């Protein structure tokens, strides 16, 4: 399941972990946007954070390896 650790630029007190099986991350126009990939055509934003308030966004889940061809 996709999980992201978001660290706040000014203090650790604002850090958060967000996870959801349908979560996607987009970076655009100075914002980090987390969306439900099943609702992208509707533009469903789950969480939006201004980039200047974010020190880092790190994917922390165990990603499954890509399937091999052949």
Protein backbone atom coordinates (compact mmCIF):
# COMPACT_ATOMS: atom_id res chain seq x y z
CA UNK A 1 0.00 0.00 0.00
CA UNK A 2 1.47 3.41 -0.92
CA UNK A 3 2.63 5.31 2.16
CA UNK A 4 4.41 8.67 2.31
CA UNK A 5 6.21 10.35 5.21
CA UNK A 6 5.85 14.12 4.93
CA UNK A 7 8.34 16.16 6.97
CA UNK A 8 7.49 19.75 7.79
CA UNK A 9 10.08 22.38 6.81
CA UNK A 10 10.15 24.21 10.15
CA UNK A 11 9.66 21.56 12.83
CA UNK A 12 9.14 17.84 13.36
CA UNK A 13 5.85 18.53 15.13
CA UNK A 14 4.02 18.82 11.81
CA UNK A 15 5.30 15.55 10.31
CA UNK A 16 2.69 13.11 9.09
CA UNK A 17 2.31 9.69 7.51
CA UNK A 18 -0.35 9.27 4.85
CA UNK A 19 -1.26 5.91 3.33
CA UNK A 20 -4.01 4.48 1.18
CA UNK A 21 -4.15 1.67 -1.40
CA UNK A 22 -5.20 4.13 -4.13
CA UNK A 23 -2.91 7.04 -3.22
CA UNK A 24 -0.91 8.94 -5.86
CA UNK A 25 1.40 11.95 -5.50
CA UNK A 26 1.52 14.86 -7.94
CA UNK A 27 3.86 17.85 -7.77
CA UNK A 28 2.60 20.90 -9.64
CA UNK A 29 2.48 24.69 -9.35
CA UNK A 30 4.34 24.71 -6.03
CA UNK A 31 2.04 22.15 -4.39
CA UNK A 32 2.35 18.49 -3.42
CA UNK A 33 -1.03 16.90 -4.06
CA UNK A 34 -2.13 13.50 -2.86
CA UNK A 35 -5.04 12.07 -4.84
CA UNK A 36 -7.19 8.99 -4.95
CA UNK A 37 -6.13 7.37 -8.25
CA UNK A 38 -9.59 5.89 -8.69
CA UNK A 39 -11.04 9.41 -8.78
CA UNK A 40 -8.39 11.27 -10.83
CA UNK A 41 -10.84 12.11 -13.60
CA UNK A 42 -12.95 13.89 -10.99
CA UNK A 43 -9.90 15.70 -9.56
CA UNK A 44 -10.36 14.34 -6.04
CA UNK A 45 -7.62 15.81 -3.86
CA UNK A 46 -7.14 13.99 -0.57
CA UNK A 47 -4.44 16.34 0.75
CA UNK A 48 -2.57 19.34 -0.71
CA UNK A 49 0.50 20.92 0.89
CA UNK A 50 2.44 24.01 -0.26
CA UNK A 51 5.94 22.93 -1.29
CA UNK A 52 7.60 25.71 0.74
CA UNK A 53 6.18 24.20 3.95
CA UNK A 54 7.57 20.75 3.16
CA UNK A 55 11.16 19.67 3.91
CA UNK A 56 10.71 16.28 2.23
CA UNK A 57 8.22 13.71 1.03
CA UNK A 58 9.51 10.16 1.16
CA UNK A 59 7.74 7.00 0.05
CA UNK A 60 8.13 4.58 2.96
CA UNK A 61 6.10 1.51 2.02
CA UNK A 62 7.55 -1.74 0.71
CA UNK A 63 7.07 -1.34 -3.02
CA UNK A 64 6.39 -4.47 -5.02
CA UNK A 65 8.92 -5.15 -7.79
CA UNK A 66 7.74 -4.53 -11.33
CA UNK A 67 6.58 -7.69 -13.13
CA UNK A 68 9.19 -9.21 -15.42
CA UNK A 69 8.41 -9.85 -19.07
CA UNK A 70 8.97 -13.22 -20.58
